[in-house]
Structures are given as C-alpha cells and as structure tokens.
Amino acid sequence: MTTSTQPWPDLPFAAWQDTCATLQMWMQMVGKIRLAQTPWTNHSWHVTLYLTARGLTTSPIPYGTRVFQIDFDFIDHQLRIQTSDAMSRTMALRPRAVADFYAQLFAHLADLGLDIKIHATPNEVVDAIPFAQDRVHTAYDADYANRFWRVLVQADRVFKQFRAGYTGKSSPVHFFWGAMDLAVTRFSGRRAPPHPGGIPHCPDWVIREAYSQEVSSCGFWPGSAAMPAPVFYSYAYPAPPGFDAARVRPDEARYDTALGEFLLPYEVVRQSPSPDTVLLEFLTSTYDTAADLGKWDN
C-alpha cells in the first residue's frame, strides 16, 4: 500500500518516465474498452476516464442489459473490474510487459462474459507497438504512480472550481488516455475552421470533430521525452490574433510556439505558498486572454 500526506508531490519526469510510458499503454487499453462499448458523445467525451478517491475509473460502461466498470487503484495498486451482476476480477499493478497485462485483462473480461474487441494499437504516440506485441514497456514504480494520481487529484479539484464559474458549454473535467492529460474545455458557441489533424495514430476526422467548435482548453500533462517536465497548459482553437504575444499571469507562464500553448511548470504551482491561487490565476488569465482577443460573448 502506498499513501502520503503530501498533497502536491514532487514528480520529476526523468525519475518515472518508464513507468509513465507503461502506465499510458495500460490506460489506453482500458480507455479503448470504454470507447468500444459507449455511445459516441461530441468531442470524444465518451472515451475519457475520471478521478476517484483511489485512482481513475471508466465509470459504468453498458454491455447489453448489464453494466461494468474498470478502476485503477493507485493506493493498493490494483486494477478492478466490477459488473452490475456482482461479479469482479482484480489484477495487480506491478512491473510487467504491456503484452502480459493485455492478455490478462482480456482473459478476465472473457471470464466475466464480456466479449469486447478493441483496436489494439495505441493512439497519439509516435512508436505505436500493438499491445499484444509490446515487451518494451515493462516498468511500474508504485510510488511514482501514486504521486501522479495525487497530482491529478489536486488538479481535478482546482479545475472543477474553475469550471464552475462558466455559464456556457463546458466539458467535464476528464482524463484523456491518448496523451495522458487531465483537461477541461470551454466553448464559445461558434463553429471553428477545420482542424489540420496530424496527431500520430489518430484519425484526422476524430480531431476535426473534437475541435469543430471554438474552444479555450486547459489541463495538466506529466511530460514526455521531448518535454521532460510536468506542466499545466492552456490554449485556444483557433488561436485569435495576438494570443501568442499576450501577457498572462503568473509571470512564470510562457507561450510555447512549438505546442501553440501557454505553459506553467508544475513546480511553480507546487512550490507556491498557495498552489490553488497560482493555478486558478493561470487558468483564469489564459481564458480571459483567449475570450477577449477572440471576442467571445461568454
């Protein structure tokens, strides 16, 4: 069991990048199960995971007249599958190859009478290895998996406070397993120009539907090999003229031209005497900038 009283834990990407890569593949499998069984909802809201008091969940997924859900528990480090007819299976979250995790997960689903087929290759990663063949990703550091979840708990809490202040269309606060980020999105109510697409191993039509309306979106991302540090981000699509040159708060926030987003290092928030205040300032300032420059009505 892993527990801690530190609400905003240290999360240096280099220390857990192998675990992060493996965990992303496991999360993609579970997310694709929800995708396969859930009616399509605009902007792919039907595929996401949600925070719980112990980890992440699919929420109830329909299967005929039954429902089931799959939960990641980052305290006891287990994956739980539960059905509405009182059946369940549990898997340990521990170091193992993605291929072995995939085989056991779908064996458990079969045992529960859940015959589910997914597109068994990851999305939104450059080197996409089919799950059944992936023996490259094998790491699982329980402490860092727990730290990651605890960061999501804090981000989820503050994002929900930010979301509550908006009266227009807004997404839930939800976890996208493709890029492994927690996000919340506001909509202006106007149509947007077609998105260019180009996301690795993700159909362009999915991205174009997701960005079919004007948005201001923000979130938390743990980092990658190309950007090895966790960050909070905020962007607008389409970005209004002057967005990239605007000054936002706090002063540590910067615009990344490669990503087309404002970024605020997680460490700035974590080390602040009032993390909530600093993060809300970033979220509010970047939204206000997007809405003002884009002449939103909301």
C-alpha atoms as a PDB file:
ATOM      1  CA  MET A   1       0.000   0.000   0.000  1.00  0.00           C
ATOM      2  CA  THR A   2       1.241   3.496  -0.846  1.00  0.00           C
ATOM      3  CA  THR A   3      -0.084   6.561   0.956  1.00  0.00           C
ATOM      4  CA  SER A   4       1.211  10.052   1.618  1.00  0.00           C
ATOM      5  CA  THR A   5       0.090  13.245   3.272  1.00  0.00           C
ATOM      6  CA  GLN A   6       1.836  15.487   0.724  1.00  0.00           C
ATOM      7  CA  PRO A   7      -0.935  16.970  -1.467  1.00  0.00           C
ATOM      8  CA  TRP A   8       1.309  18.384  -4.224  1.00  0.00           C
ATOM      9  CA  PRO A   9       4.104  15.790  -4.540  1.00  0.00           C
ATOM     10  CA  ASP A  10       7.361  16.105  -6.412  1.00  0.00           C
ATOM     11  CA  LEU A  11       7.014  14.489  -9.865  1.00  0.00           C
ATOM     12  CA  PRO A  12      10.330  14.697 -11.781  1.00  0.00           C
ATOM     13  CA  PHE A  13       9.660  13.155 -15.182  1.00  0.00           C
ATOM     14  CA  ALA A  14      13.118  11.564 -15.513  1.00  0.00           C
ATOM     15  CA  ALA A  15      12.543   9.550 -12.332  1.00  0.00           C
ATOM     16  CA  TRP A  16       9.420   7.803 -13.596  1.00  0.00           C
ATOM     17  CA  GLN A  17       9.390   8.143 -17.387  1.00  0.00           C
ATOM     18  CA  ASP A  18       9.497   4.356 -17.919  1.00  0.00           C
ATOM     19  CA  THR A  19       6.579   3.857 -15.535  1.00  0.00           C
ATOM     20  CA  CYS A  20       4.738   6.723 -17.226  1.00  0.00           C
ATOM     21  CA  ALA A  21       5.141   5.094 -20.651  1.00  0.00           C
ATOM     22  CA  THR A  22       3.932   1.701 -19.412  1.00  0.00           C
ATOM     23  CA  LEU A  23       1.026   3.175 -17.487  1.00  0.00           C
ATOM     24  CA  GLN A  24      -0.064   5.109 -20.570  1.00  0.00           C
ATOM     25  CA  MET A  25      -0.355   1.837 -22.512  1.00  0.00           C
ATOM     26  CA  TRP A  26      -2.398   0.221 -19.732  1.00  0.00           C
ATOM     27  CA  MET A  27      -4.679   3.252 -19.584  1.00  0.00           C
ATOM     28  CA  GLN A  28      -5.112   3.193 -23.348  1.00  0.00           C
ATOM     29  CA  MET A  29      -6.341  -0.409 -23.207  1.00  0.00           C
ATOM     30  CA  VAL A  30      -8.909   0.430 -20.554  1.00  0.00           C
ATOM     31  CA  GLY A  31      -9.951   3.612 -22.342  1.00  0.00           C
ATOM     32  CA  LYS A  32     -10.396   1.733 -25.609  1.00  0.00           C
ATOM     33  CA  ILE A  33     -12.718  -0.704 -23.845  1.00  0.00           C
ATOM     34  CA  ARG A  34     -14.909   2.230 -22.844  1.00  0.00           C
ATOM     35  CA  LEU A  35     -14.633   3.612 -26.382  1.00  0.00           C
ATOM     36  CA  ALA A  36     -15.782   0.301 -27.892  1.00  0.00           C
ATOM     37  CA  GLN A  37     -18.872  -0.003 -25.657  1.00  0.00           C
ATOM     38  CA  THR A  38     -20.074   3.568 -25.099  1.00  0.00           C
ATOM     39  CA  PRO A  39     -22.298   5.613 -27.428  1.00  0.00           C
ATOM     40  CA  TRP A  40     -20.440   8.383 -29.204  1.00  0.00           C
ATOM     41  CA  THR A  41     -20.555  11.751 -27.461  1.00  0.00           C
ATOM     42  CA  ASN A  42     -19.432  15.014 -29.042  1.00  0.00           C
ATOM     43  CA  HIS A  43     -15.727  15.866 -28.811  1.00  0.00           C
ATOM     44  CA  SER A  44     -14.925  12.262 -27.765  1.00  0.00           C
ATOM     45  CA  TRP A  45     -16.230  12.844 -24.256  1.00  0.00           C
ATOM     46  CA  HIS A  46     -17.369   9.205 -24.169  1.00  0.00           C
ATOM     47  CA  VAL A  47     -13.796   7.829 -24.109  1.00  0.00           C
ATOM     48  CA  THR A  48     -12.387   9.559 -21.046  1.00  0.00           C
ATOM     49  CA  LEU A  49     -11.523   8.376 -17.544  1.00  0.00           C
ATOM     50  CA  TYR A  50     -12.429  10.171 -14.307  1.00  0.00           C
ATOM     51  CA  LEU A  51     -10.746  10.768 -10.956  1.00  0.00           C
ATOM     52  CA  THR A  52     -11.787   8.749  -7.920  1.00  0.00           C
ATOM     53  CA  ALA A  53     -10.722   8.778  -4.280  1.00  0.00           C
ATOM     54  CA  ARG A  54      -8.288   5.956  -5.110  1.00  0.00           C
ATOM     55  CA  GLY A  55      -7.344   6.373  -8.763  1.00  0.00           C
ATOM     56  CA  LEU A  56      -9.137   6.565 -12.098  1.00  0.00           C
ATOM     57  CA  THR A  57     -12.342   4.969 -13.370  1.00  0.00           C
ATOM     58  CA  THR A  58     -14.144   4.358 -16.630  1.00  0.00           C
ATOM     59  CA  SER A  59     -17.470   4.989 -14.847  1.00  0.00           C
ATOM     60  CA  PRO A  60     -20.246   2.466 -15.712  1.00  0.00           C
ATOM     61  CA  ILE A  61     -19.963   1.013 -19.228  1.00  0.00           C
ATOM     62  CA  PRO A  62     -23.018  -0.609 -20.890  1.00  0.00           C
ATOM     63  CA  TYR A  63     -22.929  -4.231 -22.024  1.00  0.00           C
ATOM     64  CA  GLY A  64     -26.384  -5.339 -23.105  1.00  0.00           C
ATOM     65  CA  THR A  65     -28.602  -5.074 -20.023  1.00  0.00           C
ATOM     66  CA  ARG A  66     -25.535  -5.218 -17.752  1.00  0.00           C
ATOM     67  CA  VAL A  67     -23.005  -2.541 -16.883  1.00  0.00           C
ATOM     68  CA  PHE A  68     -19.413  -2.864 -15.772  1.00  0.00           C
ATOM     69  CA  GLN A  69     -16.623  -0.533 -14.813  1.00  0.00           C
ATOM     70  CA  ILE A  70     -12.852  -0.713 -14.613  1.00  0.00           C
ATOM     71  CA  ASP A  71     -10.935   1.129 -11.917  1.00  0.00           C
ATOM     72  CA  PHE A  72      -7.257   1.870 -11.416  1.00  0.00           C
ATOM     73  CA  ASP A  73      -6.456   1.886  -7.690  1.00  0.00           C
ATOM     74  CA  PHE A  74      -3.188   3.732  -7.077  1.00  0.00           C
ATOM     75  CA  ILE A  75      -3.297   3.200  -3.308  1.00  0.00           C
ATOM     76  CA  ASP A  76      -3.489  -0.603  -3.212  1.00  0.00           C
ATOM     77  CA  HIS A  77      -2.118  -0.766  -6.788  1.00  0.00           C
ATOM     78  CA  GLN A  78      -4.775  -2.928  -8.343  1.00  0.00           C
ATOM     79  CA  LEU A  79      -6.976  -2.884 -11.424  1.00  0.00           C
ATOM     80  CA  ARG A  80     -10.556  -3.857 -10.588  1.00  0.00           C
ATOM     81  CA  ILE A  81     -13.271  -4.949 -12.997  1.00  0.00           C
ATOM     82  CA  GLN A  82     -16.760  -4.981 -11.480  1.00  0.00           C
ATOM     83  CA  THR A  83     -20.127  -5.831 -13.040  1.00  0.00           C
ATOM     84  CA  SER A  84     -23.710  -4.976 -12.141  1.00  0.00           C
ATOM     85  CA  ASP A  85     -24.425  -8.664 -11.511  1.00  0.00           C
ATOM     86  CA  ALA A  86     -21.945  -8.813  -8.609  1.00  0.00           C
ATOM     87  CA  MET A  87     -19.017 -10.339 -10.487  1.00  0.00           C
ATOM     88  CA  SER A  88     -15.476  -8.981 -10.247  1.00  0.00           C
ATOM     89  CA  ARG A  89     -11.850  -9.608 -11.141  1.00  0.00           C
ATOM     90  CA  THR A  90      -8.680  -7.975  -9.823  1.00  0.00           C
ATOM     91  CA  MET A  91      -5.224  -7.541 -11.334  1.00  0.00           C
ATOM     92  CA  ALA A  92      -2.103  -6.386  -9.514  1.00  0.00           C
ATOM     93  CA  LEU A  93      -0.452  -3.227 -10.822  1.00  0.00           C
ATOM     94  CA  ARG A  94       3.195  -4.254 -10.824  1.00  0.00           C
ATOM     95  CA  PRO A  95       6.154  -4.381 -13.212  1.00  0.00           C
ATOM     96  CA  ARG A  96       5.129  -6.460 -16.229  1.00  0.00           C
ATOM     97  CA  ALA A  97       5.150  -6.253 -20.009  1.00  0.00           C
ATOM     98  CA  VAL A  98       2.261  -4.498 -21.725  1.00  0.00           C
ATOM     99  CA  ALA A  99       1.648  -7.716 -23.694  1.00  0.00           C
ATOM    100  CA  ASP A 100       1.134  -9.692 -20.469  1.00  0.00           C
ATOM    101  CA  PHE A 101      -1.148  -7.026 -18.993  1.00  0.00           C
ATOM    102  CA  TYR A 102      -3.210  -7.047 -22.197  1.00  0.00           C
ATOM    103  CA  ALA A 103      -3.547 -10.845 -22.185  1.00  0.00           C
ATOM    104  CA  GLN A 104      -4.635 -10.993 -18.543  1.00  0.00           C
ATOM    105  CA  LEU A 105      -7.048  -8.068 -18.833  1.00  0.00           C
ATOM    106  CA  PHE A 106      -8.924  -9.612 -21.745  1.00  0.00           C
ATOM    107  CA  ALA A 107      -8.879 -13.061 -20.135  1.00  0.00           C
ATOM    108  CA  HIS A 108     -10.641 -11.520 -17.127  1.00  0.00           C
ATOM    109  CA  LEU A 109     -13.182  -9.810 -19.382  1.00  0.00           C
ATOM    110  CA  ALA A 110     -13.910 -13.148 -21.057  1.00  0.00           C
ATOM    111  CA  ASP A 111     -14.340 -14.808 -17.652  1.00  0.00           C
ATOM    112  CA  LEU A 112     -16.919 -12.154 -16.795  1.00  0.00           C
ATOM    113  CA  GLY A 113     -18.843 -12.817 -20.009  1.00  0.00           C
ATOM    114  CA  LEU A 114     -17.704  -9.566 -21.619  1.00  0.00           C
ATOM    115  CA  ASP A 115     -16.818 -10.227 -25.246  1.00  0.00           C
ATOM    116  CA  ILE A 116     -15.188  -6.943 -26.259  1.00  0.00           C
ATOM    117  CA  LYS A 117     -12.984  -6.114 -29.227  1.00  0.00           C
ATOM    118  CA  ILE A 118     -10.773  -3.040 -29.392  1.00  0.00           C
ATOM    119  CA  HIS A 119      -8.332  -1.515 -31.854  1.00  0.00           C
ATOM    120  CA  ALA A 120      -5.342  -2.991 -30.045  1.00  0.00           C
ATOM    121  CA  THR A 121      -2.685  -0.464 -31.079  1.00  0.00           C
ATOM    122  CA  PRO A 122      -2.040   2.715 -29.055  1.00  0.00           C
ATOM    123  CA  ASN A 123      -3.041   6.161 -30.271  1.00  0.00           C
ATOM    124  CA  GLU A 124      -1.232   9.506 -30.104  1.00  0.00           C
ATOM    125  CA  VAL A 125       2.241   8.001 -29.691  1.00  0.00           C
ATOM    126  CA  VAL A 126       4.911   8.024 -32.375  1.00  0.00           C
ATOM    127  CA  ASP A 127       6.231   4.472 -31.979  1.00  0.00           C
ATOM    128  CA  ALA A 128       2.965   2.594 -31.645  1.00  0.00           C
ATOM    129  CA  ILE A 129       3.578  -1.065 -30.750  1.00  0.00           C
ATOM    130  CA  PRO A 130       0.480  -3.305 -30.785  1.00  0.00           C
ATOM    131  CA  PHE A 131      -0.404  -4.189 -27.202  1.00  0.00           C
ATOM    132  CA  ALA A 132      -0.088  -7.934 -27.757  1.00  0.00           C
ATOM    133  CA  GLN A 133       3.487  -7.459 -29.019  1.00  0.00           C
ATOM    134  CA  ASP A 134       4.727  -4.834 -26.581  1.00  0.00           C
ATOM    135  CA  ARG A 135       7.515  -6.195 -24.393  1.00  0.00           C
ATOM    136  CA  VAL A 136       9.367  -2.884 -24.430  1.00  0.00           C
ATOM    137  CA  HIS A 137       7.268  -1.200 -21.746  1.00  0.00           C
ATOM    138  CA  THR A 138       7.539  -3.175 -18.512  1.00  0.00           C
ATOM    139  CA  ALA A 139       8.077  -0.664 -15.664  1.00  0.00           C
ATOM    140  CA  TYR A 140       5.791   0.155 -12.759  1.00  0.00           C
ATOM    141  CA  ASP A 141       7.054   2.196  -9.820  1.00  0.00           C
ATOM    142  CA  ALA A 142       4.196   2.198  -7.320  1.00  0.00           C
ATOM    143  CA  ASP A 143       5.397   5.320  -5.524  1.00  0.00           C
ATOM    144  CA  TYR A 144       5.509   7.429  -8.682  1.00  0.00           C
ATOM    145  CA  ALA A 145       2.202   6.062  -9.975  1.00  0.00           C
ATOM    146  CA  ASN A 146       0.690   7.157  -6.660  1.00  0.00           C
ATOM    147  CA  ARG A 147       2.365  10.569  -6.911  1.00  0.00           C
ATOM    148  CA  PHE A 148       0.967  11.071 -10.409  1.00  0.00           C
ATOM    149  CA  TRP A 149      -2.534  10.259  -9.212  1.00  0.00           C
ATOM    150  CA  ARG A 150      -2.169  12.654  -6.262  1.00  0.00           C
ATOM    151  CA  VAL A 151      -1.230  15.460  -8.673  1.00  0.00           C
ATOM    152  CA  LEU A 152      -4.349  14.629 -10.686  1.00  0.00           C
ATOM    153  CA  VAL A 153      -6.440  14.795  -7.509  1.00  0.00           C
ATOM    154  CA  GLN A 154      -5.285  18.355  -6.846  1.00  0.00           C
ATOM    155  CA  ALA A 155      -5.602  19.435 -10.479  1.00  0.00           C
ATOM    156  CA  ASP A 156      -9.082  17.894 -10.734  1.00  0.00           C
ATOM    157  CA  ARG A 157     -10.190  19.753  -7.618  1.00  0.00           C
ATOM    158  CA  VAL A 158      -8.951  23.157  -8.846  1.00  0.00           C
ATOM    159  CA  PHE A 159     -10.162  22.586 -12.420  1.00  0.00           C
ATOM    160  CA  LYS A 160     -13.668  21.900 -11.086  1.00  0.00           C
ATOM    161  CA  GLN A 161     -13.601  25.156  -9.182  1.00  0.00           C
ATOM    162  CA  PHE A 162     -12.536  26.947 -12.381  1.00  0.00           C
ATOM    163  CA  ARG A 163     -15.209  25.156 -14.428  1.00  0.00           C
ATOM    164  CA  ALA A 164     -17.959  26.175 -12.016  1.00  0.00           C
ATOM    165  CA  GLY A 165     -17.564  29.833 -12.908  1.00  0.00           C
ATOM    166  CA  TYR A 166     -18.582  29.402 -16.553  1.00  0.00           C
ATOM    167  CA  THR A 167     -22.199  29.535 -17.725  1.00  0.00           C
ATOM    168  CA  GLY A 168     -21.595  28.434 -21.331  1.00  0.00           C
ATOM    169  CA  LYS A 169     -20.949  24.961 -22.692  1.00  0.00           C
ATOM    170  CA  SER A 170     -18.100  23.293 -20.843  1.00  0.00           C
ATOM    171  CA  SER A 171     -16.692  19.795 -20.810  1.00  0.00           C
ATOM    172  CA  PRO A 172     -16.439  17.723 -17.662  1.00  0.00           C
ATOM    173  CA  VAL A 173     -13.041  17.602 -16.006  1.00  0.00           C
ATOM    174  CA  HIS A 174     -11.806  14.356 -17.517  1.00  0.00           C
ATOM    175  CA  PHE A 175      -8.683  12.342 -18.286  1.00  0.00           C
ATOM    176  CA  PHE A 176      -7.739  11.700 -21.913  1.00  0.00           C
ATOM    177  CA  TRP A 177      -5.714   8.497 -22.095  1.00  0.00           C
ATOM    178  CA  GLY A 178      -4.341   9.214 -25.580  1.00  0.00           C
ATOM    179  CA  ALA A 179      -1.997  11.991 -24.487  1.00  0.00           C
ATOM    180  CA  MET A 180      -2.363  11.148 -20.767  1.00  0.00           C
ATOM    181  CA  ASP A 181      -3.672  14.550 -19.691  1.00  0.00           C
ATOM    182  CA  LEU A 182      -6.405  15.843 -17.402  1.00  0.00           C
ATOM    183  CA  ALA A 183      -8.381  18.583 -19.134  1.00  0.00           C
ATOM    184  CA  VAL A 184     -11.385  20.878 -19.027  1.00  0.00           C
ATOM    185  CA  THR A 185     -12.636  22.857 -22.045  1.00  0.00           C
ATOM    186  CA  ARG A 186     -14.857  25.901 -22.501  1.00  0.00           C
ATOM    187  CA  PHE A 187     -16.744  26.609 -25.743  1.00  0.00           C
ATOM    188  CA  SER A 188     -17.645  29.955 -27.289  1.00  0.00           C
ATOM    189  CA  GLY A 189     -20.721  28.590 -29.093  1.00  0.00           C
ATOM    190  CA  ARG A 190     -19.293  29.326 -32.567  1.00  0.00           C
ATOM    191  CA  ARG A 191     -18.093  26.918 -35.222  1.00  0.00           C
ATOM    192  CA  ALA A 192     -14.340  26.604 -35.775  1.00  0.00           C
ATOM    193  CA  PRO A 193     -12.384  26.125 -39.006  1.00  0.00           C
ATOM    194  CA  PRO A 194     -11.423  22.508 -39.799  1.00  0.00           C
ATOM    195  CA  HIS A 195      -8.524  21.338 -37.675  1.00  0.00           C
ATOM    196  CA  PRO A 196      -5.468  20.252 -39.698  1.00  0.00           C
ATOM    197  CA  GLY A 197      -5.213  16.941 -37.825  1.00  0.00           C
ATOM    198  CA  GLY A 198      -1.881  15.193 -37.969  1.00  0.00           C
ATOM    199  CA  ILE A 199      -1.925  13.618 -34.487  1.00  0.00           C
ATOM    200  CA  PRO A 200       0.123  10.367 -34.576  1.00  0.00           C
ATOM    201  CA  HIS A 201      -2.005   7.227 -34.941  1.00  0.00           C
ATOM    202  CA  CYS A 202      -5.276   9.117 -34.527  1.00  0.00           C
ATOM    203  CA  PRO A 203      -7.718   9.589 -37.412  1.00  0.00           C
ATOM    204  CA  ASP A 204      -7.970  13.193 -38.590  1.00  0.00           C
ATOM    205  CA  TRP A 205     -11.779  13.042 -38.503  1.00  0.00           C
ATOM    206  CA  VAL A 206     -11.661  12.420 -34.740  1.00  0.00           C
ATOM    207  CA  ILE A 207      -9.525  15.508 -34.166  1.00  0.00           C
ATOM    208  CA  ARG A 208     -11.652  17.626 -36.523  1.00  0.00           C
ATOM    209  CA  GLU A 209     -14.844  16.674 -34.703  1.00  0.00           C
ATOM    210  CA  ALA A 210     -13.183  17.376 -31.341  1.00  0.00           C
ATOM    211  CA  TYR A 211     -12.251  20.880 -32.496  1.00  0.00           C
ATOM    212  CA  SER A 212     -15.342  21.600 -34.555  1.00  0.00           C
ATOM    213  CA  GLN A 213     -16.238  24.475 -32.221  1.00  0.00           C
ATOM    214  CA  GLU A 214     -14.165  27.328 -30.819  1.00  0.00           C
ATOM    215  CA  VAL A 215     -12.525  26.336 -27.545  1.00  0.00           C
ATOM    216  CA  SER A 216     -10.382  27.532 -24.708  1.00  0.00           C
ATOM    217  CA  SER A 217      -8.912  24.462 -23.093  1.00  0.00           C
ATOM    218  CA  CYS A 218      -6.611  23.876 -20.153  1.00  0.00           C
ATOM    219  CA  GLY A 219      -5.124  20.872 -18.448  1.00  0.00           C
ATOM    220  CA  PHE A 220      -2.289  19.048 -16.738  1.00  0.00           C
ATOM    221  CA  TRP A 221       0.255  16.907 -18.590  1.00  0.00           C
ATOM    222  CA  PRO A 222       3.042  14.867 -16.926  1.00  0.00           C
ATOM    223  CA  GLY A 223       5.580  15.496 -19.719  1.00  0.00           C
ATOM    224  CA  SER A 224       7.387  13.435 -22.320  1.00  0.00           C
ATOM    225  CA  ALA A 225      10.884  12.695 -23.579  1.00  0.00           C
ATOM    226  CA  ALA A 226      10.661  15.816 -25.740  1.00  0.00           C
ATOM    227  CA  MET A 227       9.496  17.969 -22.811  1.00  0.00           C
ATOM    228  CA  PRO A 228      10.677  16.175 -19.656  1.00  0.00           C
ATOM    229  CA  ALA A 229       8.772  18.122 -17.014  1.00  0.00           C
ATOM    230  CA  PRO A 230       5.146  18.192 -15.842  1.00  0.00           C
ATOM    231  CA  VAL A 231       3.186  21.294 -16.864  1.00  0.00           C
ATOM    232  CA  PHE A 232      -0.168  22.953 -16.745  1.00  0.00           C
ATOM    233  CA  TYR A 233      -1.234  24.162 -20.196  1.00  0.00           C
ATOM    234  CA  SER A 234      -3.806  26.417 -21.792  1.00  0.00           C
ATOM    235  CA  TYR A 235      -4.595  27.004 -25.461  1.00  0.00           C
ATOM    236  CA  ALA A 236      -7.277  28.340 -27.765  1.00  0.00           C
ATOM    237  CA  TYR A 237      -8.509  26.864 -31.017  1.00  0.00           C
ATOM    238  CA  PRO A 238      -8.483  28.685 -33.258  1.00  0.00           C
ATOM    239  CA  ALA A 239      -5.922  30.921 -31.590  1.00  0.00           C
ATOM    240  CA  PRO A 240      -7.064  34.542 -32.033  1.00  0.00           C
ATOM    241  CA  PRO A 241      -4.603  37.102 -33.422  1.00  0.00           C
ATOM    242  CA  GLY A 242      -2.210  38.246 -30.734  1.00  0.00           C
ATOM    243  CA  PHE A 243      -2.778  35.253 -28.464  1.00  0.00           C
ATOM    244  CA  ASP A 244       0.823  34.063 -28.715  1.00  0.00           C
ATOM    245  CA  ALA A 245       2.190  37.502 -27.748  1.00  0.00           C
ATOM    246  CA  ALA A 246      -0.195  38.185 -24.885  1.00  0.00           C
ATOM    247  CA  ARG A 247       0.984  38.564 -21.317  1.00  0.00           C
ATOM    248  CA  VAL A 248      -0.729  36.207 -18.910  1.00  0.00           C
ATOM    249  CA  ARG A 249      -0.397  35.521 -15.198  1.00  0.00           C
ATOM    250  CA  PRO A 250       1.517  34.387 -13.269  1.00  0.00           C
ATOM    251  CA  ASP A 251       4.790  35.768 -14.628  1.00  0.00           C
ATOM    252  CA  GLU A 252       6.303  32.268 -14.849  1.00  0.00           C
ATOM    253  CA  ALA A 253       3.818  31.245 -17.563  1.00  0.00           C
ATOM    254  CA  ARG A 254       5.200  31.297 -21.104  1.00  0.00           C
ATOM    255  CA  TYR A 255       3.911  30.650 -24.600  1.00  0.00           C
ATOM    256  CA  ASP A 256       5.464  27.620 -26.324  1.00  0.00           C
ATOM    257  CA  THR A 257       5.475  28.208 -30.075  1.00  0.00           C
ATOM    258  CA  ALA A 258       6.045  24.531 -30.915  1.00  0.00           C
ATOM    259  CA  LEU A 259       2.996  23.392 -28.956  1.00  0.00           C
ATOM    260  CA  GLY A 260       0.924  26.525 -29.522  1.00  0.00           C
ATOM    261  CA  GLU A 261       0.064  26.684 -25.825  1.00  0.00           C
ATOM    262  CA  PHE A 262       0.743  28.672 -22.691  1.00  0.00           C
ATOM    263  CA  LEU A 263       2.644  26.525 -20.204  1.00  0.00           C
ATOM    264  CA  LEU A 264       3.065  26.867 -16.463  1.00  0.00           C
ATOM    265  CA  PRO A 265       5.573  24.473 -14.867  1.00  0.00           C
ATOM    266  CA  TYR A 266       4.048  22.206 -12.256  1.00  0.00           C
ATOM    267  CA  GLU A 267       6.972  23.054  -9.981  1.00  0.00           C
ATOM    268  CA  VAL A 268       5.902  26.716  -9.904  1.00  0.00           C
ATOM    269  CA  VAL A 269       2.483  25.695  -8.632  1.00  0.00           C
ATOM    270  CA  ARG A 270       3.810  23.056  -6.248  1.00  0.00           C
ATOM    271  CA  GLN A 271       6.388  25.365  -4.640  1.00  0.00           C
ATOM    272  CA  SER A 272       3.967  28.251  -4.246  1.00  0.00           C
ATOM    273  CA  PRO A 273       2.686  29.159  -0.765  1.00  0.00           C
ATOM    274  CA  SER A 274      -0.805  28.955  -2.292  1.00  0.00           C
ATOM    275  CA  PRO A 275      -0.879  26.448  -5.192  1.00  0.00           C
ATOM    276  CA  ASP A 276      -4.632  26.836  -5.694  1.00  0.00           C
ATOM    277  CA  THR A 277      -4.330  30.591  -6.100  1.00  0.00           C
ATOM    278  CA  VAL A 278      -1.472  30.377  -8.601  1.00  0.00           C
ATOM    279  CA  LEU A 279      -3.162  27.693 -10.690  1.00  0.00           C
ATOM    280  CA  LEU A 280      -6.525  29.494 -10.747  1.00  0.00           C
ATOM    281  CA  GLU A 281      -4.724  32.685 -11.768  1.00  0.00           C
ATOM    282  CA  PHE A 282      -3.178  30.852 -14.732  1.00  0.00           C
ATOM    283  CA  LEU A 283      -6.460  29.249 -15.786  1.00  0.00           C
ATOM    284  CA  THR A 284      -8.439  32.468 -15.492  1.00  0.00           C
ATOM    285  CA  SER A 285      -5.833  34.699 -17.123  1.00  0.00           C
ATOM    286  CA  THR A 286      -5.340  32.493 -20.168  1.00  0.00           C
ATOM    287  CA  TYR A 287      -9.088  32.033 -20.647  1.00  0.00           C
ATOM    288  CA  ASP A 288      -9.709  35.784 -20.320  1.00  0.00           C
ATOM    289  CA  THR A 289      -6.993  36.408 -22.917  1.00  0.00           C
ATOM    290  CA  ALA A 290      -8.497  33.908 -25.365  1.00  0.00           C
ATOM    291  CA  ALA A 291     -12.043  35.202 -24.820  1.00  0.00           C
ATOM    292  CA  ASP A 292     -11.116  38.877 -25.070  1.00  0.00           C
ATOM    293  CA  LEU A 293      -8.963  38.518 -28.180  1.00  0.00           C
ATOM    294  CA  GLY A 294     -11.471  36.120 -29.743  1.00  0.00           C
ATOM    295  CA  LYS A 295     -14.430  38.374 -28.897  1.00  0.00           C
ATOM    296  CA  TRP A 296     -16.355  35.669 -27.108  1.00  0.00           C
ATOM    297  CA  ASP A 297     -19.812  36.559 -25.792  1.00  0.00           C
ATOM    298  CA  ASN A 298     -19.396  34.407 -22.650  1.00  0.00           C
END
